[in-house]
Amino acid sequence: MSPAPTRFHDPRSTKHHFVDSVLVRCPRCERIAHVVPRADAEPGVRPGMFDPRGLACRACGLSRTWADRSVTFSGGSLAPARDPYFRLPLWLQTETRHGWLWAYNLEHLELLRQFVAASLRERDPWYEHGRKMTYVARLPAWIKSAKNRDEVLRAVDRIRATVTGC
């Protein structure tokens, strides 16, 4: 008897759910830096997309503030991705023969890993109320394809290996 399939149920999140903490490449030292909501935000309240953000690099001490009113999300997998606030290259990304694979943070990367690794992918029916075009639904076809599963999982592992103690 074959083993039970690995199941994945779409949590109906969008890429907006992952921008509370973004790992980027520091513009000064080229090491890992964090883009997070400013510390002066209200405690216990989830920050809004347009709330002020801070960029902090533990390696070189770089610190910057973002308080603009425009957010630009990276589109697609044809080019390297950038964070929506400072427009810096994401730390968690790699190029594959099909395109760029990227994530904003480790939670985002883990969701991608769970989706790709699952042989049974479930989501709510289209007639259910709520968001229809979730992060998972908007993934490029080459990531969703079962024939690319091993390659995409290897790429996710390569990305994950670049993070040490952040």
Protein backbone atom coordinates (compact mmCIF):
# COMPACT_ATOMS: atom_id res chain seq x y z
CA MET A 1 0.00 0.00 0.00
CA SER A 2 1.36 3.42 -0.90
CA PRO A 3 1.90 6.03 1.82
CA ALA A 4 -0.75 8.66 2.41
CA PRO A 5 -0.23 11.79 0.32
CA THR A 6 1.20 14.86 1.97
CA ARG A 7 -1.65 17.35 2.30
CA PHE A 8 -1.56 21.10 1.99
CA HIS A 9 -4.59 23.29 2.65
CA ASP A 10 -4.32 26.87 1.38
CA PRO A 11 -4.35 29.20 4.40
CA ARG A 12 -5.71 31.93 2.08
CA SER A 13 -2.87 34.32 2.81
CA THR A 14 -1.59 36.89 0.34
CA LYS A 15 1.90 38.29 -0.08
CA HIS A 16 0.77 41.22 2.06
CA HIS A 17 0.71 38.87 5.06
CA PHE A 18 4.48 38.40 4.88
CA VAL A 19 5.73 42.01 4.74
CA ASP A 20 5.79 42.52 8.52
CA SER A 21 9.39 41.28 8.46
CA VAL A 22 11.44 41.21 5.26
CA LEU A 23 15.00 39.91 4.92
CA VAL A 24 17.07 41.98 2.48
CA ARG A 25 20.65 42.43 1.31
CA CYS A 26 22.29 45.34 3.17
CA PRO A 27 23.24 48.12 0.72
CA ARG A 28 26.40 48.88 2.72
CA CYS A 29 27.95 45.50 3.60
CA GLU A 30 25.98 43.04 1.38
CA ARG A 31 25.00 40.92 4.40
CA ILE A 32 21.56 40.13 5.75
CA ALA A 33 19.43 43.03 7.01
CA HIS A 34 15.87 43.28 8.33
CA VAL A 35 13.01 45.54 7.27
CA VAL A 36 10.49 45.68 10.13
CA PRO A 37 7.77 48.00 11.39
CA ARG A 38 9.16 50.84 13.49
CA ALA A 39 9.35 50.27 17.23
CA ASP A 40 7.12 53.29 17.89
CA ALA A 41 4.09 51.45 16.45
CA GLU A 42 1.22 50.67 18.82
CA PRO A 43 1.90 47.50 20.83
CA GLY A 44 -0.45 44.61 20.16
CA VAL A 45 -1.72 46.12 16.91
CA ARG A 46 -0.68 44.51 13.64
CA PRO A 47 1.13 47.17 11.60
CA GLY A 48 -0.53 48.44 8.48
CA MET A 49 1.13 48.21 5.12
CA PHE A 50 1.89 51.94 5.04
CA ASP A 51 3.13 52.29 8.62
CA PRO A 52 6.73 53.50 8.99
CA ARG A 53 9.39 50.82 8.55
CA GLY A 54 12.95 50.53 9.70
CA LEU A 55 15.92 48.92 8.00
CA ALA A 56 18.51 47.47 10.37
CA CYS A 57 21.71 45.58 9.64
CA ARG A 58 23.31 43.83 12.60
CA ALA A 59 26.57 43.31 10.71
CA CYS A 60 27.48 46.93 9.91
CA GLY A 61 24.98 48.88 12.02
CA LEU A 62 23.19 50.52 9.09
CA SER A 63 19.83 51.97 10.10
CA ARG A 64 17.31 53.72 7.86
CA THR A 65 13.68 54.76 8.12
CA TRP A 66 10.92 54.49 5.53
CA ALA A 67 7.85 56.68 5.91
CA ASP A 68 6.70 57.01 2.32
CA ARG A 69 3.17 56.40 1.07
CA SER A 70 4.03 54.14 -1.85
CA VAL A 71 4.70 50.41 -1.72
CA THR A 72 5.93 48.55 -4.80
CA PHE A 73 5.68 44.78 -4.88
CA SER A 74 7.93 42.70 -7.11
CA GLY A 75 6.06 41.15 -9.98
CA GLY A 76 6.61 37.66 -11.26
CA SER A 77 9.65 35.46 -11.35
CA LEU A 78 11.49 36.86 -14.37
CA ALA A 79 13.79 39.18 -12.41
CA PRO A 80 15.32 39.28 -8.92
CA ALA A 81 12.78 40.38 -6.32
CA ARG A 82 13.04 43.49 -4.15
CA ASP A 83 11.43 44.46 -0.88
CA PRO A 84 8.34 46.68 -1.24
CA TYR A 85 9.65 49.51 0.96
CA PHE A 86 13.34 50.27 0.41
CA ARG A 87 13.48 48.45 -2.97
CA LEU A 88 16.53 46.45 -1.81
CA PRO A 89 17.21 42.95 -3.17
CA LEU A 90 15.64 40.18 -1.08
CA TRP A 91 18.01 37.91 0.81
CA LEU A 92 15.84 34.82 0.34
CA GLN A 93 16.00 34.29 -3.40
CA THR A 94 17.73 32.19 -6.00
CA GLU A 95 17.56 31.75 -9.73
CA THR A 96 16.43 28.48 -11.27
CA ARG A 97 16.28 27.49 -14.93
CA HIS A 98 12.58 28.45 -14.91
CA GLY A 99 12.87 31.80 -13.14
CA TRP A 100 13.50 33.41 -9.77
CA LEU A 101 12.25 31.79 -6.58
CA TRP A 102 11.94 34.16 -3.63
CA ALA A 103 10.38 34.76 -0.22
CA TYR A 104 10.12 37.77 2.08
CA ASN A 105 10.94 35.89 5.28
CA LEU A 106 11.32 32.39 6.71
CA GLU A 107 7.57 32.03 7.35
CA HIS A 108 6.92 32.83 3.68
CA LEU A 109 9.62 30.37 2.60
CA GLU A 110 8.13 27.63 4.81
CA LEU A 111 4.68 28.12 3.30
CA LEU A 112 6.22 27.79 -0.17
CA ARG A 113 8.06 24.62 0.91
CA GLN A 114 4.90 23.04 2.35
CA PHE A 115 2.94 23.82 -0.81
CA VAL A 116 5.57 22.47 -3.21
CA ALA A 117 6.25 19.34 -1.15
CA ALA A 118 2.57 18.39 -0.91
CA SER A 119 1.24 15.85 -3.34
CA LEU A 120 -2.35 16.75 -2.41
CA ARG A 121 -3.08 20.50 -2.54
CA GLU A 122 -6.46 21.62 -1.26
CA ARG A 123 -8.16 24.97 -1.27
CA ASP A 124 -11.63 26.29 -0.60
CA PRO A 125 -14.07 26.07 -3.51
CA TRP A 126 -14.45 29.14 -5.72
CA TYR A 127 -17.99 29.71 -4.50
CA GLU A 128 -16.81 30.17 -0.88
CA HIS A 129 -16.68 33.73 0.39
CA GLY A 130 -13.32 35.39 0.92
CA ARG A 131 -10.14 35.89 -1.04
CA LYS A 132 -9.95 34.02 -4.32
CA MET A 133 -6.46 34.89 -5.55
CA THR A 134 -4.28 33.89 -2.62
CA TYR A 135 -0.49 33.72 -2.61
CA VAL A 136 -0.60 30.03 -3.50
CA ALA A 137 -3.11 30.56 -6.32
CA ARG A 138 -0.87 33.25 -7.86
CA LEU A 139 2.31 31.17 -7.93
CA PRO A 140 3.78 30.65 -11.40
CA ALA A 141 2.82 27.40 -13.12
CA TRP A 142 6.41 26.12 -13.09
CA ILE A 143 6.41 26.20 -9.26
CA LYS A 144 3.06 24.40 -9.09
CA SER A 145 4.06 21.70 -11.55
CA ALA A 146 4.72 18.29 -10.00
CA LYS A 147 7.47 17.59 -12.54
CA ASN A 148 9.49 20.50 -11.09
CA ARG A 149 8.86 19.56 -7.43
CA ASP A 150 12.36 18.23 -6.71
CA GLU A 151 14.09 21.15 -8.41
CA VAL A 152 11.99 23.73 -6.56
CA LEU A 153 12.53 21.99 -3.22
CA ARG A 154 16.29 21.97 -3.81
CA ALA A 155 16.10 25.70 -4.55
CA VAL A 156 14.13 26.29 -1.33
CA ASP A 157 16.80 24.34 0.59
CA ARG A 158 19.55 26.46 -1.02
CA ILE A 159 17.73 29.62 0.01
CA ARG A 160 17.16 28.36 3.55
CA ALA A 161 20.86 27.46 3.91
CA THR A 162 21.85 31.12 3.37
CA VAL A 163 20.17 32.13 6.64
CA THR A 164 22.22 31.51 9.77
CA GLY A 165 20.88 32.75 13.07
CA CYS A 166 18.74 35.64 11.94
